[in-house]
């Protein structure tokens, strides 16, 4: 664990957890301690780097730490997780929550960690929106995108977030006691504790106003994303309806629909999510011949044999 300041006048202190390849344990994440070649300049012989980005309000890096993060590391991936500004243990400024600020945090955090080569971005919900905007801004620094119940920042996205965050602001600010009591009774104490933290975030910051006013992407900019895209949706989630639209803009997108799940597919079906994300990362690793050991054959075109590696490292079924 480390606290890393992103620098600059609008920089914040971010809580960062980095899991070293293969051991699945923490490694130092502070500035000036990046390992040569690990996701940085001159990547020869190095592990691929995956940056895991969580969602809004009730989410934090813990959603990854207790699901897919350690197994990705054990499979030979250099895993970076962090609490986004205002969330978890990261600094909570009163203002500065437009999407552009979150993208800027990612840019500067990677620089502070000495990670300059292409990275795999894995984003859950709002984390995927941050990842997508970063990929538009820095296509040369993205090896691939894995989007879990997520979407690009469009005008429709901004309108939806305005409605959802406006409702949350009312319920968690003006009717906080009643809302938390209902959540505790129907969703359990753990969810109620997360909601209590979300209420503080909404009550003490401008996040509910800032995010809907973020810069959005038109279809031309969405089409500019070059890296391979994996999109996972719960079959019972309203997000699944956008799969056809995203595939039409980015024909290389691989879509996975998870039956029997809604928005919380990451925490409800972590083994399935892990299998698809790990396969995606390994199949699109530029140096795939050295991921996970010395005996893995590369698929045609120089890609690692991702499906076989998933079975070996994760022990999960990777059904299409």
Protein backbone atom coordinates (compact mmCIF):
# COMPACT_ATOMS: atom_id res chain seq x y z
CA UNK A 1 0.00 0.00 0.00
CA UNK A 2 1.19 3.52 -0.74
CA UNK A 3 -0.14 7.05 -0.91
CA UNK A 4 0.96 8.70 -4.15
CA UNK A 5 0.42 12.40 -4.87
CA UNK A 6 -0.35 12.95 -8.53
CA UNK A 7 1.27 16.40 -8.51
CA UNK A 8 0.19 19.74 -9.93
CA UNK A 9 -2.23 22.33 -8.53
CA UNK A 10 -5.23 20.01 -8.84
CA UNK A 11 -3.37 16.87 -7.82
CA UNK A 12 -4.57 14.58 -5.05
CA UNK A 13 -3.13 11.88 -2.83
CA UNK A 14 -4.27 8.50 -4.13
CA UNK A 15 -4.27 5.24 -2.21
CA UNK A 16 -2.49 2.74 -4.47
CA UNK A 17 -2.11 -1.02 -4.18
CA UNK A 18 0.22 -2.83 -6.57
CA UNK A 19 0.47 -6.61 -6.82
CA UNK A 20 3.66 -7.98 -8.31
CA UNK A 21 3.54 -10.55 -11.11
CA UNK A 22 3.23 -14.20 -10.10
CA UNK A 23 3.27 -13.85 -6.33
CA UNK A 24 -0.08 -12.09 -6.07
CA UNK A 25 1.23 -10.06 -3.16
CA UNK A 26 1.76 -6.35 -2.63
CA UNK A 27 4.78 -4.53 -3.93
CA UNK A 28 5.92 -0.97 -3.35
CA UNK A 29 3.82 1.43 -5.40
CA UNK A 30 5.50 4.72 -4.60
CA UNK A 31 7.08 7.09 -7.12
CA UNK A 32 10.65 6.32 -8.04
CA UNK A 33 10.29 2.62 -7.29
CA UNK A 34 9.04 1.32 -10.64
CA UNK A 35 10.82 -1.81 -11.80
CA UNK A 36 12.76 -1.39 -15.06
CA UNK A 37 10.73 -2.72 -17.95
CA UNK A 38 7.61 -3.60 -15.93
CA UNK A 39 5.04 -1.80 -17.97
CA UNK A 40 7.47 1.08 -18.46
CA UNK A 41 9.82 2.14 -21.19
CA UNK A 42 11.76 -0.74 -22.62
CA UNK A 43 9.31 -3.51 -21.77
CA UNK A 44 11.34 -6.38 -23.20
CA UNK A 45 10.93 -9.47 -21.04
CA UNK A 46 8.56 -7.68 -18.68
CA UNK A 47 5.10 -8.51 -17.42
CA UNK A 48 2.05 -6.80 -18.91
CA UNK A 49 0.55 -4.13 -16.70
CA UNK A 50 -3.18 -4.03 -15.91
CA UNK A 51 -4.68 -0.99 -14.21
CA UNK A 52 -7.97 -1.75 -12.45
CA UNK A 53 -10.43 1.16 -12.15
CA UNK A 54 -13.46 0.99 -9.86
CA UNK A 55 -16.87 2.64 -10.03
CA UNK A 56 -18.62 5.52 -8.26
CA UNK A 57 -19.77 6.28 -4.71
CA UNK A 58 -19.93 2.88 -2.97
CA UNK A 59 -17.00 1.36 -4.86
CA UNK A 60 -13.25 1.22 -4.17
CA UNK A 61 -10.18 -0.80 -5.09
CA UNK A 62 -11.40 -3.44 -2.60
CA UNK A 63 -13.85 -4.66 -5.26
CA UNK A 64 -10.82 -5.84 -7.25
CA UNK A 65 -8.56 -6.79 -4.36
CA UNK A 66 -11.04 -9.40 -3.16
CA UNK A 67 -12.00 -10.68 -6.62
CA UNK A 68 -9.75 -10.68 -9.68
CA UNK A 69 -6.66 -8.66 -8.67
CA UNK A 70 -4.55 -11.29 -6.86
CA UNK A 71 -5.16 -14.00 -9.47
CA UNK A 72 -4.22 -11.67 -12.32
CA UNK A 73 -0.95 -11.03 -10.48
CA UNK A 74 -0.42 -14.73 -9.84
CA UNK A 75 -0.84 -15.32 -13.59
CA UNK A 76 2.06 -13.01 -14.36
CA UNK A 77 0.36 -9.63 -14.68
CA UNK A 78 1.66 -6.47 -12.97
CA UNK A 79 -1.54 -5.24 -11.28
CA UNK A 80 -2.13 -1.62 -10.27
CA UNK A 81 -5.27 -0.73 -8.28
CA UNK A 82 -6.12 2.59 -6.70
CA UNK A 83 -8.96 4.37 -4.95
CA UNK A 84 -10.16 7.12 -7.26
CA UNK A 85 -10.30 10.66 -5.91
CA UNK A 86 -12.91 11.02 -3.19
CA UNK A 87 -13.20 7.25 -2.71
CA UNK A 88 -11.76 4.72 -0.28
CA UNK A 89 -8.59 5.94 1.37
CA UNK A 90 -7.72 8.51 -1.29
CA UNK A 91 -7.94 12.24 -0.70
CA UNK A 92 -11.41 13.76 -0.86
CA UNK A 93 -11.28 17.34 -2.17
CA UNK A 94 -14.43 19.43 -1.94
CA UNK A 95 -14.52 19.95 -5.72
CA UNK A 96 -12.94 18.73 -8.92
CA UNK A 97 -14.96 15.67 -9.94
CA UNK A 98 -15.51 16.12 -13.65
CA UNK A 99 -14.53 13.07 -15.68
CA UNK A 100 -11.51 14.94 -17.03
CA UNK A 101 -10.07 15.13 -13.51
CA UNK A 102 -10.31 11.36 -13.07
CA UNK A 103 -8.60 10.84 -16.44
CA UNK A 104 -5.90 13.30 -15.42
CA UNK A 105 -5.36 11.37 -12.18
CA UNK A 106 -4.76 8.20 -14.19
CA UNK A 107 -2.34 9.96 -16.53
CA UNK A 108 -0.25 11.41 -13.75
CA UNK A 109 -0.38 8.34 -11.54
CA UNK A 110 1.10 6.19 -14.30
CA UNK A 111 3.83 8.79 -14.81
CA UNK A 112 4.55 8.88 -11.07
CA UNK A 113 4.83 5.10 -11.02
CA UNK A 114 7.18 5.11 -14.00
CA UNK A 115 4.74 3.20 -16.21
CA UNK A 116 5.15 4.57 -19.72
CA UNK A 117 4.43 1.61 -21.99
CA UNK A 118 1.00 0.38 -23.13
CA UNK A 119 -1.20 -0.85 -20.27
CA UNK A 120 -4.37 -2.90 -20.10
CA UNK A 121 -7.20 -0.91 -18.54
CA UNK A 122 -9.90 -2.82 -16.69
CA UNK A 123 -12.84 -0.64 -15.68
CA UNK A 124 -15.97 -1.45 -13.72
CA UNK A 125 -18.90 0.92 -14.29
CA UNK A 126 -17.56 4.50 -14.04
CA UNK A 127 -14.03 3.08 -14.01
CA UNK A 128 -14.61 1.86 -17.55
CA UNK A 129 -15.80 5.32 -18.57
CA UNK A 130 -12.54 6.75 -17.22
CA UNK A 131 -10.58 4.05 -19.06
CA UNK A 132 -12.37 4.75 -22.34
CA UNK A 133 -11.72 8.49 -22.17
CA UNK A 134 -8.05 7.80 -21.36
CA UNK A 135 -7.85 5.48 -24.40
CA UNK A 136 -9.24 8.25 -26.63
CA UNK A 137 -6.70 10.71 -25.25
CA UNK A 138 -3.72 8.32 -25.24
CA UNK A 139 -4.27 5.49 -27.74
CA UNK A 140 -0.54 4.75 -27.85
CA UNK A 141 -0.50 4.00 -24.11
CA UNK A 142 -3.34 1.45 -24.10
CA UNK A 143 -2.79 -2.23 -24.93
CA UNK A 144 -6.45 -3.11 -24.45
CA UNK A 145 -9.69 -2.27 -22.68
CA UNK A 146 -11.83 -4.57 -20.51
CA UNK A 147 -15.11 -2.82 -19.72
CA UNK A 148 -17.35 -4.37 -17.05
CA UNK A 149 -20.90 -2.98 -17.03
CA UNK A 150 -19.56 0.24 -18.46
CA UNK A 151 -19.92 2.68 -21.35
CA UNK A 152 -18.16 5.64 -22.97
CA UNK A 153 -19.01 9.15 -21.83
CA UNK A 154 -21.69 10.27 -24.28
CA UNK A 155 -24.45 12.85 -23.99
CA UNK A 156 -26.86 10.05 -23.03
CA UNK A 157 -24.40 8.89 -20.35
CA UNK A 158 -24.19 12.42 -18.88
CA UNK A 159 -27.99 12.72 -18.79
CA UNK A 160 -28.31 9.34 -17.07
CA UNK A 161 -25.65 10.23 -14.48
CA UNK A 162 -27.42 13.52 -13.84
CA UNK A 163 -30.61 11.63 -12.97
CA UNK A 164 -28.90 8.94 -10.89
CA UNK A 165 -26.61 11.28 -8.96
CA UNK A 166 -29.41 13.77 -8.45
CA UNK A 167 -31.54 11.05 -6.93
CA UNK A 168 -28.62 9.85 -4.79
CA UNK A 169 -27.98 13.38 -3.58
CA UNK A 170 -31.56 13.70 -2.38
CA UNK A 171 -31.80 10.26 -0.81
CA UNK A 172 -28.34 10.24 0.80
CA UNK A 173 -28.33 13.86 1.89
CA UNK A 174 -31.88 14.98 2.64
CA UNK A 175 -33.20 11.54 3.67
CA UNK A 176 -29.98 9.84 4.75
CA UNK A 177 -31.28 8.12 7.91
CA UNK A 178 -34.31 6.61 6.20
CA UNK A 179 -32.27 5.55 3.16
CA UNK A 180 -29.56 3.87 5.25
CA UNK A 181 -32.13 2.10 7.39
CA UNK A 182 -33.81 0.68 4.28
CA UNK A 183 -30.47 -0.41 2.81
CA UNK A 184 -29.48 -2.08 6.07
CA UNK A 185 -32.77 -3.97 6.23
CA UNK A 186 -32.86 -5.06 2.59
CA UNK A 187 -29.22 -5.21 1.51
CA UNK A 188 -27.33 -5.90 4.74
CA UNK A 189 -24.94 -4.09 7.04
CA UNK A 190 -21.95 -4.15 4.69
CA UNK A 191 -23.86 -2.41 1.92
CA UNK A 192 -25.23 0.07 4.45
CA UNK A 193 -21.68 0.96 5.53
CA UNK A 194 -20.70 1.55 1.91
CA UNK A 195 -23.79 3.69 1.43
CA UNK A 196 -22.91 5.73 4.52
CA UNK A 197 -19.50 6.53 2.99
CA UNK A 198 -21.21 7.40 -0.31
CA UNK A 199 -23.55 9.74 1.56
CA UNK A 200 -20.58 11.63 2.99
CA UNK A 201 -19.05 11.91 -0.48
CA UNK A 202 -22.26 13.28 -1.97
CA UNK A 203 -22.94 15.58 0.99
CA UNK A 204 -19.46 17.10 1.32
CA UNK A 205 -18.32 17.40 -2.31
CA UNK A 206 -19.52 18.62 -5.69
CA UNK A 207 -19.39 15.16 -7.30
CA UNK A 208 -23.14 14.96 -8.02
CA UNK A 209 -22.97 18.26 -9.92
CA UNK A 210 -19.56 17.81 -11.54
CA UNK A 211 -19.85 14.44 -13.23
CA UNK A 212 -22.94 15.24 -15.34
CA UNK A 213 -21.15 18.38 -16.60
CA UNK A 214 -18.13 16.41 -17.83
CA UNK A 215 -16.84 16.57 -21.39
CA UNK A 216 -18.43 13.84 -23.52
CA UNK A 217 -17.36 11.93 -26.63
CA UNK A 218 -19.04 11.90 -30.02
CA UNK A 219 -19.12 8.74 -32.12
CA UNK A 220 -16.14 9.86 -34.18
CA UNK A 221 -13.92 10.02 -31.10
CA UNK A 222 -15.24 6.71 -29.83
CA UNK A 223 -14.27 5.14 -33.17
CA UNK A 224 -10.71 6.42 -32.66
CA UNK A 225 -10.00 3.84 -29.93
CA UNK A 226 -7.41 1.47 -31.38
CA UNK A 227 -6.87 -1.17 -28.70
CA UNK A 228 -8.90 -4.39 -28.51
CA UNK A 229 -12.05 -4.08 -26.42
CA UNK A 230 -13.71 -6.66 -24.18
CA UNK A 231 -17.18 -5.67 -22.93
CA UNK A 232 -18.94 -7.67 -20.20
CA UNK A 233 -22.57 -7.09 -19.22
CA UNK A 234 -25.05 -8.72 -16.89
CA UNK A 235 -27.89 -10.09 -19.04
CA UNK A 236 -30.48 -8.51 -16.74
CA UNK A 237 -28.78 -5.11 -16.70
CA UNK A 238 -29.99 -2.20 -18.82
CA UNK A 239 -26.34 -1.72 -19.85
CA UNK A 240 -26.48 -4.87 -22.02
CA UNK A 241 -28.66 -3.03 -24.55
CA UNK A 242 -25.69 -0.95 -25.70
CA UNK A 243 -23.64 -3.99 -26.83
CA UNK A 244 -24.80 -3.82 -30.46
CA UNK A 245 -24.16 -0.07 -30.61
CA UNK A 246 -20.61 -0.39 -29.24
CA UNK A 247 -19.82 -3.27 -31.61
CA UNK A 248 -21.02 -1.14 -34.55
CA UNK A 249 -18.56 1.62 -33.61
CA UNK A 250 -15.69 -0.71 -32.70
CA UNK A 251 -16.12 -3.87 -34.80
CA UNK A 252 -13.28 -5.66 -32.97
CA UNK A 253 -15.18 -5.55 -29.68
CA UNK A 254 -15.76 -8.92 -27.99
CA UNK A 255 -18.97 -8.89 -25.98
CA UNK A 256 -19.79 -11.28 -23.14
CA UNK A 257 -23.33 -11.36 -21.73
CA UNK A 258 -23.54 -13.01 -18.30
CA UNK A 259 -26.91 -14.74 -17.75
CA UNK A 260 -28.73 -14.27 -14.47
CA UNK A 261 -26.83 -11.16 -13.38
CA UNK A 262 -27.47 -7.43 -13.28
CA UNK A 263 -25.03 -4.58 -12.69
CA UNK A 264 -22.93 -6.17 -9.93
CA UNK A 265 -21.46 -8.89 -12.12
CA UNK A 266 -17.87 -8.25 -10.94
CA UNK A 267 -18.59 -9.13 -7.31
CA UNK A 268 -21.33 -11.68 -8.04
CA UNK A 269 -19.49 -13.70 -10.71
CA UNK A 270 -15.78 -12.94 -10.14
CA UNK A 271 -14.45 -16.26 -11.50
CA UNK A 272 -16.23 -15.77 -14.81
CA UNK A 273 -15.12 -12.14 -15.07
CA UNK A 274 -11.56 -13.13 -14.19
CA UNK A 275 -11.46 -15.80 -16.88
CA UNK A 276 -12.49 -13.43 -19.64
CA UNK A 277 -10.32 -10.51 -18.48
CA UNK A 278 -7.23 -12.67 -18.02
CA UNK A 279 -7.68 -14.27 -21.43
CA UNK A 280 -8.10 -10.81 -22.99
CA UNK A 281 -4.94 -9.48 -21.32
CA UNK A 282 -2.81 -12.49 -22.24
CA UNK A 283 -4.10 -12.72 -25.81
CA UNK A 284 -3.27 -9.07 -26.41
CA UNK A 285 0.06 -8.87 -24.61
CA UNK A 286 2.72 -7.54 -27.04
CA UNK A 287 5.35 -9.74 -25.35
CA UNK A 288 3.11 -12.75 -24.91
CA UNK A 289 5.84 -15.37 -25.24
CA UNK A 290 7.06 -14.71 -21.72
CA UNK A 291 3.84 -14.39 -19.70
CA UNK A 292 3.40 -16.96 -16.93
CA UNK A 293 6.61 -18.86 -17.44
CA UNK A 294 8.82 -20.28 -20.14
CA UNK A 295 6.72 -23.05 -21.70
CA UNK A 296 3.78 -21.19 -23.26
CA UNK A 297 3.43 -21.33 -27.01
CA UNK A 298 2.31 -18.22 -28.78
CA UNK A 299 -0.75 -18.16 -30.94
CA UNK A 300 -0.47 -17.04 -34.60
CA UNK A 301 0.44 -13.38 -34.82
CA UNK A 302 2.63 -13.44 -31.72
CA UNK A 303 -0.12 -13.56 -29.09
CA UNK A 304 0.02 -15.68 -25.99
CA UNK A 305 -2.18 -18.78 -25.79
CA UNK A 306 -4.54 -16.96 -23.44
CA UNK A 307 -7.27 -19.59 -23.07
CA UNK A 308 -4.83 -22.31 -21.99
CA UNK A 309 -3.08 -19.93 -19.60
CA UNK A 310 -6.38 -18.95 -18.00
CA UNK A 311 -7.10 -22.57 -17.18
CA UNK A 312 -3.59 -23.04 -15.79
CA UNK A 313 -3.46 -19.92 -13.61
CA UNK A 314 -7.05 -19.17 -12.69
CA UNK A 315 -8.57 -22.59 -12.57
CA UNK A 316 -11.80 -21.27 -14.06
CA UNK A 317 -13.86 -22.20 -17.08
CA UNK A 318 -13.68 -19.61 -19.86
CA UNK A 319 -16.79 -20.35 -21.85
CA UNK A 320 -17.49 -17.92 -24.67
